[in-house]
Amino acid sequence: GELVQLLDQITILQFRKDIVTEPDL
């Protein structure tokens, strides 16, 4: 239950890149 809660609460700190293609990976 704590694991599911952790996954549900992970917060995005930064939008690193909005459009990503295979060469960017």
PDB file of all heavy atoms in Angstrom:
ATOM      1  N   GLY A   1       0.814  -1.215   0.000  1.00  0.00           N
ATOM      2  CA  GLY A   1       0.000   0.000   0.000  1.00  0.00           C
ATOM      3  C   GLY A   1       0.843   1.259   0.000  1.00  0.00           C
ATOM      4  O   GLY A   1       0.530   2.231  -0.695  1.00  0.00           O
ATOM      5  N   GLU A   2       1.951   1.235   0.777  1.00  0.00           N
ATOM      6  CA  GLU A   2       2.847   2.395   0.807  1.00  0.00           C
ATOM      7  C   GLU A   2       3.536   2.593  -0.540  1.00  0.00           C
ATOM      8  O   GLU A   2       3.780   3.730  -0.964  1.00  0.00           O
ATOM      9  CB  GLU A   2       3.872   2.216   1.922  1.00  0.00           C
ATOM     10  CG  GLU A   2       3.275   2.310   3.321  1.00  0.00           C
ATOM     11  CD  GLU A   2       4.285   1.984   4.411  1.00  0.00           C
ATOM     12  OE1 GLU A   2       5.382   1.493   4.058  1.00  0.00           O
ATOM     13  OE2 GLU A   2       3.973   2.206   5.596  1.00  0.00           O
ATOM     14  N   LEU A   3       3.843   1.487  -1.229  1.00  0.00           N
ATOM     15  CA  LEU A   3       4.461   1.581  -2.546  1.00  0.00           C
ATOM     16  C   LEU A   3       3.514   2.230  -3.552  1.00  0.00           C
ATOM     17  O   LEU A   3       3.912   3.124  -4.314  1.00  0.00           O
ATOM     18  CB  LEU A   3       4.876   0.193  -3.031  1.00  0.00           C
ATOM     19  CG  LEU A   3       5.346   0.107  -4.485  1.00  0.00           C
ATOM     20  CD1 LEU A   3       6.567   0.992  -4.723  1.00  0.00           C
ATOM     21  CD2 LEU A   3       5.645  -1.341  -4.869  1.00  0.00           C
ATOM     22  N   VAL A   4       2.256   1.787  -3.558  1.00  0.00           N
ATOM     23  CA  VAL A   4       1.265   2.371  -4.467  1.00  0.00           C
ATOM     24  C   VAL A   4       1.092   3.862  -4.166  1.00  0.00           C
ATOM     25  O   VAL A   4       1.005   4.693  -5.079  1.00  0.00           O
ATOM     26  CB  VAL A   4      -0.086   1.624  -4.348  1.00  0.00           C
ATOM     27  CG1 VAL A   4      -1.182   2.363  -5.122  1.00  0.00           C
ATOM     28  CG2 VAL A   4       0.059   0.205  -4.867  1.00  0.00           C
ATOM     29  N   GLN A   5       1.077   4.207  -2.883  1.00  0.00           N
ATOM     30  CA  GLN A   5       0.936   5.615  -2.490  1.00  0.00           C
ATOM     31  C   GLN A   5       2.140   6.427  -2.948  1.00  0.00           C
ATOM     32  O   GLN A   5       2.005   7.566  -3.432  1.00  0.00           O
ATOM     33  CB  GLN A   5       0.769   5.715  -0.977  1.00  0.00           C
ATOM     34  CG  GLN A   5       0.487   7.126  -0.481  1.00  0.00           C
ATOM     35  CD  GLN A   5       0.244   7.166   1.019  1.00  0.00           C
ATOM     36  OE1 GLN A   5       0.568   6.243   1.747  1.00  0.00           O
ATOM     37  NE2 GLN A   5      -0.333   8.260   1.487  1.00  0.00           N
ATOM     38  N   LEU A   6       3.349   5.864  -2.828  1.00  0.00           N
ATOM     39  CA  LEU A   6       4.563   6.546  -3.279  1.00  0.00           C
ATOM     40  C   LEU A   6       4.509   6.799  -4.782  1.00  0.00           C
ATOM     41  O   LEU A   6       4.787   7.911  -5.247  1.00  0.00           O
ATOM     42  CB  LEU A   6       5.793   5.707  -2.932  1.00  0.00           C
ATOM     43  CG  LEU A   6       7.115   6.155  -3.569  1.00  0.00           C
ATOM     44  CD1 LEU A   6       7.524   7.523  -3.039  1.00  0.00           C
ATOM     45  CD2 LEU A   6       8.213   5.124  -3.319  1.00  0.00           C
ATOM     46  N   LEU A   7       4.143   5.781  -5.556  1.00  0.00           N
ATOM     47  CA  LEU A   7       4.058   5.937  -7.007  1.00  0.00           C
ATOM     48  C   LEU A   7       3.041   7.004  -7.384  1.00  0.00           C
ATOM     49  O   LEU A   7       3.249   7.772  -8.326  1.00  0.00           O
ATOM     50  CB  LEU A   7       3.685   4.595  -7.647  1.00  0.00           C
ATOM     51  CG  LEU A   7       4.760   3.510  -7.603  1.00  0.00           C
ATOM     52  CD1 LEU A   7       4.172   2.148  -7.965  1.00  0.00           C
ATOM     53  CD2 LEU A   7       5.908   3.851  -8.547  1.00  0.00           C
ATOM     54  N   ASP A   8       1.944   7.061  -6.650  1.00  0.00           N
ATOM     55  CA  ASP A   8       0.876   8.018  -6.943  1.00  0.00           C
ATOM     56  C   ASP A   8       1.284   9.452  -6.598  1.00  0.00           C
ATOM     57  O   ASP A   8       0.712  10.402  -7.145  1.00  0.00           O
ATOM     58  CB  ASP A   8      -0.382   7.633  -6.147  1.00  0.00           C
ATOM     59  CG  ASP A   8      -1.620   8.364  -6.619  1.00  0.00           C
ATOM     60  OD1 ASP A   8      -2.051   8.121  -7.755  1.00  0.00           O
ATOM     61  OD2 ASP A   8      -2.133   9.208  -5.858  1.00  0.00           O
ATOM     62  N   GLN A   9       2.293   9.607  -5.723  1.00  0.00           N
ATOM     63  CA  GLN A   9       2.654  10.943  -5.249  1.00  0.00           C
ATOM     64  C   GLN A   9       3.982  11.457  -5.812  1.00  0.00           C
ATOM     65  O   GLN A   9       4.419  12.549  -5.433  1.00  0.00           O
ATOM     66  CB  GLN A   9       2.720  10.941  -3.716  1.00  0.00           C
ATOM     67  CG  GLN A   9       1.365  10.706  -3.055  1.00  0.00           C
ATOM     68  CD  GLN A   9       1.447  10.653  -1.542  1.00  0.00           C
ATOM     69  OE1 GLN A   9       2.533  10.607  -0.965  1.00  0.00           O
ATOM     70  NE2 GLN A   9       0.297  10.641  -0.885  1.00  0.00           N
ATOM     71  N   ILE A  10       4.627  10.702  -6.700  1.00  0.00           N
ATOM     72  CA  ILE A  10       5.883  11.191  -7.274  1.00  0.00           C
ATOM     73  C   ILE A  10       5.608  12.469  -8.054  1.00  0.00           C
ATOM     74  O   ILE A  10       4.738  12.516  -8.925  1.00  0.00           O
ATOM     75  CB  ILE A  10       6.524  10.128  -8.185  1.00  0.00           C
ATOM     76  CG1 ILE A  10       6.968   8.917  -7.342  1.00  0.00           C
ATOM     77  CG2 ILE A  10       7.718  10.722  -8.925  1.00  0.00           C
ATOM     78  CD1 ILE A  10       7.594   7.811  -8.162  1.00  0.00           C
ATOM     79  N   THR A  11       6.372  13.509  -7.729  1.00  0.00           N
ATOM     80  CA  THR A  11       6.135  14.841  -8.297  1.00  0.00           C
ATOM     81  C   THR A  11       7.195  15.176  -9.342  1.00  0.00           C
ATOM     82  O   THR A  11       8.390  14.903  -9.146  1.00  0.00           O
ATOM     83  CB  THR A  11       6.178  15.895  -7.181  1.00  0.00           C
ATOM     84  OG1 THR A  11       5.149  15.596  -6.228  1.00  0.00           O
ATOM     85  CG2 THR A  11       5.932  17.295  -7.741  1.00  0.00           C
ATOM     86  N   ILE A  12       6.742  15.764 -10.442  1.00  0.00           N
ATOM     87  CA  ILE A  12       7.648  16.240 -11.480  1.00  0.00           C
ATOM     88  C   ILE A  12       8.311  17.528 -10.987  1.00  0.00           C
ATOM     89  O   ILE A  12       7.625  18.508 -10.679  1.00  0.00           O
ATOM     90  CB  ILE A  12       6.889  16.497 -12.792  1.00  0.00           C
ATOM     91  CG1 ILE A  12       6.299  15.188 -13.326  1.00  0.00           C
ATOM     92  CG2 ILE A  12       7.791  17.148 -13.831  1.00  0.00           C
ATOM     93  CD1 ILE A  12       5.350  15.373 -14.489  1.00  0.00           C
ATOM     94  N   LEU A  13       9.631  17.515 -10.905  1.00  0.00           N
ATOM     95  CA  LEU A  13      10.361  18.707 -10.469  1.00  0.00           C
ATOM     96  C   LEU A  13      10.680  19.625 -11.639  1.00  0.00           C
ATOM     97  O   LEU A  13      10.756  20.847 -11.483  1.00  0.00           O
ATOM     98  CB  LEU A  13      11.668  18.305  -9.777  1.00  0.00           C
ATOM     99  CG  LEU A  13      11.554  17.457  -8.506  1.00  0.00           C
ATOM    100  CD1 LEU A  13      12.943  17.173  -7.946  1.00  0.00           C
ATOM    101  CD2 LEU A  13      10.694  18.157  -7.467  1.00  0.00           C
ATOM    102  N   GLN A  14      10.869  19.049 -12.812  1.00  0.00           N
ATOM    103  CA  GLN A  14      11.264  19.840 -13.975  1.00  0.00           C
ATOM    104  C   GLN A  14      10.759  19.161 -15.243  1.00  0.00           C
ATOM    105  O   GLN A  14      10.796  17.930 -15.368  1.00  0.00           O
ATOM    106  CB  GLN A  14      12.789  19.969 -14.029  1.00  0.00           C
ATOM    107  CG  GLN A  14      13.297  20.820 -15.188  1.00  0.00           C
ATOM    108  CD  GLN A  14      14.814  20.879 -15.226  1.00  0.00           C
ATOM    109  OE1 GLN A  14      15.476  20.489 -14.270  1.00  0.00           O
ATOM    110  NE2 GLN A  14      15.367  21.350 -16.329  1.00  0.00           N
ATOM    111  N   PHE A  15      10.260  19.977 -16.174  1.00  0.00           N
ATOM    112  CA  PHE A  15       9.882  19.472 -17.487  1.00  0.00           C
ATOM    113  C   PHE A  15      11.154  19.540 -18.343  1.00  0.00           C
ATOM    114  O   PHE A  15      11.485  20.571 -18.925  1.00  0.00           O
ATOM    115  CB  PHE A  15       8.744  20.306 -18.077  1.00  0.00           C
ATOM    116  CG  PHE A  15       7.489  20.261 -17.229  1.00  0.00           C
ATOM    117  CD1 PHE A  15       7.205  21.279 -16.331  1.00  0.00           C
ATOM    118  CD2 PHE A  15       6.629  19.182 -17.315  1.00  0.00           C
ATOM    119  CE1 PHE A  15       6.072  21.230 -15.537  1.00  0.00           C
ATOM    120  CE2 PHE A  15       5.494  19.123 -16.528  1.00  0.00           C
ATOM    121  CZ  PHE A  15       5.206  20.144 -15.629  1.00  0.00           C
ATOM    122  N   ARG A  16      11.862  18.402 -18.398  1.00  0.00           N
ATOM    123  CA  ARG A  16      13.200  18.393 -18.977  1.00  0.00           C
ATOM    124  C   ARG A  16      13.181  18.679 -20.485  1.00  0.00           C
ATOM    125  O   ARG A  16      13.915  19.507 -20.985  1.00  0.00           O
ATOM    126  CB  ARG A  16      13.855  17.030 -18.712  1.00  0.00           C
ATOM    127  CG  ARG A  16      15.319  16.970 -19.060  1.00  0.00           C
ATOM    128  CD  ARG A  16      16.169  17.625 -18.001  1.00  0.00           C
ATOM    129  NE  ARG A  16      16.397  16.736 -16.869  1.00  0.00           N
ATOM    130  CZ  ARG A  16      16.937  17.134 -15.719  1.00  0.00           C
ATOM    131  NH1 ARG A  16      17.254  18.405 -15.543  1.00  0.00           N
ATOM    132  NH2 ARG A  16      17.133  16.288 -14.736  1.00  0.00           N
ATOM    133  N   LYS A  17      12.326  17.989 -21.215  1.00  0.00           N
ATOM    134  CA  LYS A  17      12.229  18.192 -22.660  1.00  0.00           C
ATOM    135  C   LYS A  17      10.817  17.775 -23.091  1.00  0.00           C
ATOM    136  O   LYS A  17      10.367  16.685 -22.759  1.00  0.00           O
ATOM    137  CB  LYS A  17      13.299  17.373 -23.390  1.00  0.00           C
ATOM    138  CG  LYS A  17      13.458  17.713 -24.867  1.00  0.00           C
ATOM    139  CD  LYS A  17      14.625  16.949 -25.467  1.00  0.00           C
ATOM    140  CE  LYS A  17      14.802  17.242 -26.954  1.00  0.00           C
ATOM    141  NZ  LYS A  17      15.129  18.669 -27.227  1.00  0.00           N
ATOM    142  N   ASP A  18      10.139  18.653 -23.855  1.00  0.00           N
ATOM    143  CA  ASP A  18       8.729  18.406 -24.167  1.00  0.00           C
ATOM    144  C   ASP A  18       8.519  17.495 -25.368  1.00  0.00           C
ATOM    145  O   ASP A  18       7.588  16.706 -25.393  1.00  0.00           O
ATOM    146  CB  ASP A  18       8.007  19.743 -24.399  1.00  0.00           C
ATOM    147  CG  ASP A  18       7.834  20.526 -23.111  1.00  0.00           C
ATOM    148  OD1 ASP A  18       7.552  19.880 -22.087  1.00  0.00           O
ATOM    149  OD2 ASP A  18       8.005  21.757 -23.121  1.00  0.00           O
ATOM    150  N   ILE A  19       9.352  17.594 -26.362  1.00  0.00           N
ATOM    151  CA  ILE A  19       9.243  16.737 -27.542  1.00  0.00           C
ATOM    152  C   ILE A  19      10.525  15.932 -27.654  1.00  0.00           C
ATOM    153  O   ILE A  19      11.608  16.488 -27.919  1.00  0.00           O
ATOM    154  CB  ILE A  19       9.015  17.557 -28.833  1.00  0.00           C
ATOM    155  CG1 ILE A  19       7.778  18.457 -28.682  1.00  0.00           C
ATOM    156  CG2 ILE A  19       8.863  16.619 -30.024  1.00  0.00           C
ATOM    157  CD1 ILE A  19       6.482  17.697 -28.483  1.00  0.00           C
ATOM    158  N   VAL A  20      10.430  14.624 -27.429  1.00  0.00           N
ATOM    159  CA  VAL A  20      11.604  13.759 -27.398  1.00  0.00           C
ATOM    160  C   VAL A  20      11.502  12.744 -28.539  1.00  0.00           C
ATOM    161  O   VAL A  20      10.465  12.104 -28.726  1.00  0.00           O
ATOM    162  CB  VAL A  20      11.713  13.035 -26.042  1.00  0.00           C
ATOM    163  CG1 VAL A  20      12.885  12.058 -26.059  1.00  0.00           C
ATOM    164  CG2 VAL A  20      11.888  14.049 -24.925  1.00  0.00           C
ATOM    165  N   THR A  21      12.596  12.597 -29.290  1.00  0.00           N
ATOM    166  CA  THR A  21      12.689  11.591 -30.345  1.00  0.00           C
ATOM    167  C   THR A  21      13.744  10.567 -29.967  1.00  0.00           C
ATOM    168  O   THR A  21      14.499  10.757 -28.995  1.00  0.00           O
ATOM    169  CB  THR A  21      13.037  12.246 -31.692  1.00  0.00           C
ATOM    170  OG1 THR A  21      14.295  12.911 -31.566  1.00  0.00           O
ATOM    171  CG2 THR A  21      11.964  13.259 -32.097  1.00  0.00           C
ATOM    172  N   GLU A  22      13.838   9.492 -30.722  1.00  0.00           N
ATOM    173  CA  GLU A  22      14.782   8.420 -30.407  1.00  0.00           C
ATOM    174  C   GLU A  22      16.225   8.913 -30.285  1.00  0.00           C
ATOM    175  O   GLU A  22      16.950   8.499 -29.372  1.00  0.00           O
ATOM    176  CB  GLU A  22      14.692   7.319 -31.465  1.00  0.00           C
ATOM    177  CG  GLU A  22      13.410   6.495 -31.394  1.00  0.00           C
ATOM    178  CD  GLU A  22      13.280   5.737 -30.088  1.00  0.00           C
ATOM    179  OE1 GLU A  22      14.293   5.207 -29.590  1.00  0.00           O
ATOM    180  OE2 GLU A  22      12.151   5.688 -29.540  1.00  0.00           O
ATOM    181  N   PRO A  23      16.694   9.814 -31.165  1.00  0.00           N
ATOM    182  CA  PRO A  23      18.087  10.283 -31.020  1.00  0.00           C
ATOM    183  C   PRO A  23      18.347  11.038 -29.717  1.00  0.00           C
ATOM    184  O   PRO A  23      19.507  11.171 -29.304  1.00  0.00           O
ATOM    185  CB  PRO A  23      18.264  11.211 -32.234  1.00  0.00           C
ATOM    186  CG  PRO A  23      17.276  10.713 -33.235  1.00  0.00           C
ATOM    187  CD  PRO A  23      16.084  10.277 -32.430  1.00  0.00           C
ATOM    188  N   ASP A  24      17.281  11.525 -29.066  1.00  0.00           N
ATOM    189  CA  ASP A  24      17.482  12.272 -27.814  1.00  0.00           C
ATOM    190  C   ASP A  24      17.680  11.355 -26.618  1.00  0.00           C
ATOM    191  O   ASP A  24      18.174  11.800 -25.565  1.00  0.00           O
ATOM    192  CB  ASP A  24      16.258  13.166 -27.541  1.00  0.00           C
ATOM    193  CG  ASP A  24      16.038  14.195 -28.620  1.00  0.00           C
ATOM    194  OD1 ASP A  24      17.029  14.761 -29.092  1.00  0.00           O
ATOM    195  OD2 ASP A  24      14.861  14.444 -28.982  1.00  0.00           O
ATOM    196  N   LEU A  25      17.277  10.099 -26.725  1.00  0.00           N
ATOM    197  CA  LEU A  25      17.223   9.219 -25.554  1.00  0.00           C
ATOM    198  C   LEU A  25      18.586   8.954 -24.911  1.00  0.00           C
ATOM    199  O   LEU A  25      18.686   8.957 -23.681  1.00  0.00           O
ATOM    200  CB  LEU A  25      16.540   7.899 -25.928  1.00  0.00           C
ATOM    201  CG  LEU A  25      15.062   8.021 -26.352  1.00  0.00           C
ATOM    202  CD1 LEU A  25      14.491   6.654 -26.698  1.00  0.00           C
ATOM    203  CD2 LEU A  25      14.237   8.665 -25.233  1.00  0.00           C
TER     204      LEU A  25
END
